Amino acid sequence: EGLRTLCVAYKKLTHEEYEETCRLLNSAKLALQERDKKLAEAYDVIEKDFILLGATA
């Protein structure tokens, strides 16, 4: 109970991809309405195609 798995992963981004990622996250963080929903949607878009380095439990 209360245990979590920690994953370490990475993904190479171009400068343009990095800028878009920052824009998407900042927009979600600054939202006055439905912030949690917008953050979840932003992370759903961002957290794809990562290369897993390791995991702990």
N, C-alpha and C. Protein backbone atom coordinates (compact mmCIF):
# COMPACT_ATOMS: atom_id res chain seq x y z
N GLU A 1 0.84 -1.18 0.00
CA GLU A 1 0.00 0.00 0.00
C GLU A 1 0.89 1.25 0.00
N GLY A 2 0.58 2.18 -0.88
CA GLY A 2 1.36 3.40 -0.94
C GLY A 2 2.65 3.28 -1.72
N LEU A 3 2.93 2.10 -2.26
CA LEU A 3 4.16 1.91 -3.02
C LEU A 3 3.95 2.36 -4.46
N ARG A 4 5.00 2.90 -5.04
CA ARG A 4 4.92 3.37 -6.42
C ARG A 4 6.14 2.90 -7.19
N THR A 5 5.97 2.77 -8.47
CA THR A 5 7.07 2.43 -9.35
C THR A 5 7.62 3.71 -9.95
N LEU A 6 8.93 3.85 -9.91
CA LEU A 6 9.60 5.00 -10.51
C LEU A 6 10.25 4.54 -11.80
N CYS A 7 9.90 5.19 -12.89
CA CYS A 7 10.49 4.88 -14.20
C CYS A 7 11.36 6.05 -14.62
N VAL A 8 12.50 5.73 -15.20
CA VAL A 8 13.39 6.75 -15.75
C VAL A 8 13.47 6.50 -17.25
N ALA A 9 13.14 7.53 -18.03
CA ALA A 9 13.11 7.38 -19.48
C ALA A 9 13.49 8.71 -20.13
N TYR A 10 13.78 8.65 -21.42
CA TYR A 10 14.11 9.87 -22.14
C TYR A 10 13.61 9.81 -23.57
N LYS A 11 13.60 10.97 -24.19
CA LYS A 11 13.25 11.08 -25.60
C LYS A 11 13.99 12.30 -26.14
N LYS A 12 14.71 12.11 -27.24
CA LYS A 12 15.39 13.24 -27.87
C LYS A 12 14.37 14.11 -28.58
N LEU A 13 14.51 15.41 -28.40
CA LEU A 13 13.61 16.37 -29.03
C LEU A 13 14.40 17.35 -29.88
N THR A 14 13.79 17.74 -30.98
CA THR A 14 14.36 18.85 -31.74
C THR A 14 14.04 20.13 -30.98
N HIS A 15 14.66 21.21 -31.39
CA HIS A 15 14.37 22.49 -30.74
C HIS A 15 12.89 22.84 -30.89
N GLU A 16 12.33 22.57 -32.05
CA GLU A 16 10.92 22.88 -32.30
C GLU A 16 10.00 22.02 -31.43
N GLU A 17 10.35 20.74 -31.27
CA GLU A 17 9.55 19.86 -30.41
C GLU A 17 9.61 20.32 -28.96
N TYR A 18 10.80 20.75 -28.53
CA TYR A 18 10.96 21.26 -27.16
C TYR A 18 10.11 22.50 -26.95
N GLU A 19 10.15 23.42 -27.89
CA GLU A 19 9.36 24.65 -27.79
C GLU A 19 7.87 24.32 -27.73
N GLU A 20 7.41 23.40 -28.55
CA GLU A 20 5.99 23.02 -28.55
C GLU A 20 5.61 22.36 -27.23
N THR A 21 6.49 21.53 -26.69
CA THR A 21 6.24 20.88 -25.41
C THR A 21 6.11 21.92 -24.31
N CYS A 22 7.02 22.88 -24.27
CA CYS A 22 6.96 23.95 -23.27
C CYS A 22 5.69 24.77 -23.41
N ARG A 23 5.32 25.09 -24.65
CA ARG A 23 4.11 25.88 -24.89
C ARG A 23 2.87 25.13 -24.40
N LEU A 24 2.81 23.85 -24.71
CA LEU A 24 1.67 23.03 -24.32
C LEU A 24 1.55 22.94 -22.79
N LEU A 25 2.66 22.69 -22.11
CA LEU A 25 2.63 22.58 -20.65
C LEU A 25 2.32 23.92 -19.99
N ASN A 26 2.94 24.98 -20.46
CA ASN A 26 2.68 26.30 -19.87
C ASN A 26 1.23 26.71 -20.05
N SER A 27 0.68 26.44 -21.21
CA SER A 27 -0.72 26.76 -21.46
C SER A 27 -1.63 26.00 -20.48
N ALA A 28 -1.34 24.74 -20.26
CA ALA A 28 -2.14 23.93 -19.33
C ALA A 28 -1.97 24.42 -17.89
N LYS A 29 -0.74 24.74 -17.50
CA LYS A 29 -0.46 25.19 -16.14
C LYS A 29 -1.13 26.52 -15.82
N LEU A 30 -1.28 27.37 -16.82
CA LEU A 30 -1.85 28.69 -16.61
C LEU A 30 -3.37 28.74 -16.81
N ALA A 31 -3.96 27.62 -17.17
CA ALA A 31 -5.41 27.58 -17.42
C ALA A 31 -6.17 27.92 -16.14
N LEU A 32 -7.16 28.77 -16.28
CA LEU A 32 -7.98 29.15 -15.13
C LEU A 32 -9.12 28.16 -14.89
N GLN A 33 -9.51 27.46 -15.93
CA GLN A 33 -10.58 26.47 -15.81
C GLN A 33 -10.08 25.12 -16.29
N GLU A 34 -10.50 24.08 -15.60
CA GLU A 34 -10.16 22.69 -15.96
C GLU A 34 -8.65 22.46 -16.07
N ARG A 35 -7.89 23.06 -15.16
CA ARG A 35 -6.43 22.94 -15.20
C ARG A 35 -5.97 21.48 -15.11
N ASP A 36 -6.55 20.73 -14.18
CA ASP A 36 -6.13 19.33 -14.02
C ASP A 36 -6.39 18.51 -15.28
N LYS A 37 -7.53 18.74 -15.90
CA LYS A 37 -7.87 18.03 -17.13
C LYS A 37 -6.90 18.41 -18.25
N LYS A 38 -6.60 19.69 -18.38
CA LYS A 38 -5.71 20.15 -19.44
C LYS A 38 -4.28 19.66 -19.22
N LEU A 39 -3.84 19.60 -17.96
CA LEU A 39 -2.51 19.06 -17.66
C LEU A 39 -2.45 17.57 -18.01
N ALA A 40 -3.49 16.83 -17.65
CA ALA A 40 -3.53 15.40 -17.98
C ALA A 40 -3.48 15.19 -19.49
N GLU A 41 -4.22 16.01 -20.22
CA GLU A 41 -4.22 15.90 -21.68
C GLU A 41 -2.85 16.25 -22.26
N ALA A 42 -2.20 17.26 -21.69
CA ALA A 42 -0.87 17.65 -22.16
C ALA A 42 0.13 16.52 -21.94
N TYR A 43 0.10 15.92 -20.76
CA TYR A 43 1.02 14.82 -20.48
C TYR A 43 0.71 13.59 -21.33
N ASP A 44 -0.55 13.38 -21.67
CA ASP A 44 -0.89 12.27 -22.57
C ASP A 44 -0.24 12.46 -23.93
N VAL A 45 -0.17 13.70 -24.39
CA VAL A 45 0.46 14.00 -25.68
C VAL A 45 1.98 13.87 -25.58
N ILE A 46 2.54 14.37 -24.49
CA ILE A 46 4.00 14.45 -24.34
C ILE A 46 4.63 13.10 -24.02
N GLU A 47 4.00 12.33 -23.15
CA GLU A 47 4.62 11.10 -22.64
C GLU A 47 4.40 9.92 -23.58
N LYS A 48 4.98 10.01 -24.75
CA LYS A 48 4.90 8.93 -25.75
C LYS A 48 6.27 8.71 -26.36
N ASP A 49 6.52 7.48 -26.77
CA ASP A 49 7.75 7.13 -27.49
C ASP A 49 9.02 7.42 -26.70
N PHE A 50 8.96 7.21 -25.38
CA PHE A 50 10.15 7.36 -24.54
C PHE A 50 10.99 6.09 -24.60
N ILE A 51 12.25 6.23 -24.32
CA ILE A 51 13.16 5.08 -24.22
C ILE A 51 13.38 4.83 -22.73
N LEU A 52 12.97 3.65 -22.27
CA LEU A 52 13.07 3.31 -20.86
C LEU A 52 14.51 3.01 -20.48
N LEU A 53 15.00 3.71 -19.45
CA LEU A 53 16.35 3.46 -18.95
C LEU A 53 16.34 2.49 -17.77
N GLY A 54 15.29 2.56 -16.96
CA GLY A 54 15.21 1.66 -15.82
C GLY A 54 13.97 1.95 -15.00
N ALA A 55 13.72 1.07 -14.03
CA ALA A 55 12.56 1.22 -13.15
C ALA A 55 12.89 0.64 -11.79
N THR A 56 12.27 1.21 -10.76
CA THR A 56 12.43 0.71 -9.40
C THR A 56 11.06 0.49 -8.80
N ALA A 57 11.02 -0.31 -7.76
CA ALA A 57 9.74 -0.53 -7.08
C ALA A 57 9.93 -0.38 -5.59
